[in-house]
Amino acid sequence: MLFSEKQMTIGEITTLCGYSNPQTFRRAFKKRYGMLPSDYQKTVLYQKK
């Protein structure tokens, strides 16, 4: 999963997912998952430890 990669930024993930605008990605992600991508990434990385 892209979010479990510590070195990947949200901007890089945005591009890999096909979005050209990070704000559009943030809105779509929040609508789908109920949280911001950065919050989700922190959760995934915290659980990995």
C-alpha atoms as a PDB file:
ATOM      1  CA  MET A   1       0.000   0.000   0.000  1.00  0.00           C
ATOM      2  CA  LEU A   2       1.277   3.441  -0.900  1.00  0.00           C
ATOM      3  CA  PHE A   3       0.576   4.931   2.513  1.00  0.00           C
ATOM      4  CA  SER A   4       2.785   2.464   4.322  1.00  0.00           C
ATOM      5  CA  GLU A   5       5.855   3.774   2.534  1.00  0.00           C
ATOM      6  CA  LYS A   6       7.480   6.265   4.878  1.00  0.00           C
ATOM      7  CA  GLN A   7       9.437   7.984   2.131  1.00  0.00           C
ATOM      8  CA  MET A   8       6.405   8.771  -0.053  1.00  0.00           C
ATOM      9  CA  THR A   9       4.808  12.158   0.351  1.00  0.00           C
ATOM     10  CA  ILE A  10       1.113  12.818  -0.077  1.00  0.00           C
ATOM     11  CA  GLY A  11       2.028  14.761  -3.221  1.00  0.00           C
ATOM     12  CA  GLU A  12       3.749  11.716  -4.709  1.00  0.00           C
ATOM     13  CA  ILE A  13       0.814   9.500  -3.807  1.00  0.00           C
ATOM     14  CA  THR A  14      -1.538  12.059  -5.381  1.00  0.00           C
ATOM     15  CA  THR A  15       0.350  11.850  -8.674  1.00  0.00           C
ATOM     16  CA  LEU A  16       0.570   8.054  -8.617  1.00  0.00           C
ATOM     17  CA  CYS A  17      -3.199   7.873  -8.123  1.00  0.00           C
ATOM     18  CA  GLY A  18      -3.734   9.973 -11.228  1.00  0.00           C
ATOM     19  CA  TYR A  19      -4.673  13.285  -9.630  1.00  0.00           C
ATOM     20  CA  SER A  20      -3.022  16.450 -10.887  1.00  0.00           C
ATOM     21  CA  ASN A  21      -4.277  18.572  -7.993  1.00  0.00           C
ATOM     22  CA  PRO A  22      -3.487  17.554  -4.395  1.00  0.00           C
ATOM     23  CA  GLN A  23      -6.557  19.386  -3.093  1.00  0.00           C
ATOM     24  CA  THR A  24      -8.830  17.321  -5.335  1.00  0.00           C
ATOM     25  CA  PHE A  25      -7.180  14.145  -4.062  1.00  0.00           C
ATOM     26  CA  ARG A  26      -7.628  15.280  -0.446  1.00  0.00           C
ATOM     27  CA  ARG A  27     -11.334  15.979  -0.970  1.00  0.00           C
ATOM     28  CA  ALA A  28     -11.957  12.679  -2.749  1.00  0.00           C
ATOM     29  CA  PHE A  29     -10.012  10.736  -0.123  1.00  0.00           C
ATOM     30  CA  LYS A  30     -11.827  12.401   2.775  1.00  0.00           C
ATOM     31  CA  LYS A  31     -15.210  11.809   1.161  1.00  0.00           C
ATOM     32  CA  ARG A  32     -14.416   8.111   0.650  1.00  0.00           C
ATOM     33  CA  TYR A  33     -12.591   7.295   3.890  1.00  0.00           C
ATOM     34  CA  GLY A  34     -13.741   9.979   6.316  1.00  0.00           C
ATOM     35  CA  MET A  35     -10.276  11.312   7.078  1.00  0.00           C
ATOM     36  CA  LEU A  36      -7.498  13.230   5.377  1.00  0.00           C
ATOM     37  CA  PRO A  37      -4.774  11.277   3.585  1.00  0.00           C
ATOM     38  CA  SER A  38      -2.122  12.612   5.963  1.00  0.00           C
ATOM     39  CA  ASP A  39      -4.098  11.418   9.002  1.00  0.00           C
ATOM     40  CA  TYR A  40      -4.563   8.017   7.405  1.00  0.00           C
ATOM     41  CA  GLN A  41      -0.855   7.794   6.608  1.00  0.00           C
ATOM     42  CA  LYS A  42       0.035   8.592  10.227  1.00  0.00           C
ATOM     43  CA  THR A  43      -2.332   5.858  11.412  1.00  0.00           C
ATOM     44  CA  VAL A  44      -0.847   3.276   9.053  1.00  0.00           C
ATOM     45  CA  LEU A  45       2.731   4.169   9.956  1.00  0.00           C
ATOM     46  CA  TYR A  46       1.917   4.109  13.683  1.00  0.00           C
ATOM     47  CA  GLN A  47       0.401   0.617  13.404  1.00  0.00           C
ATOM     48  CA  LYS A  48       3.454  -0.603  11.523  1.00  0.00           C
ATOM     49  CA  LYS A  49       5.780  -0.013  14.500  1.00  0.00           C
END
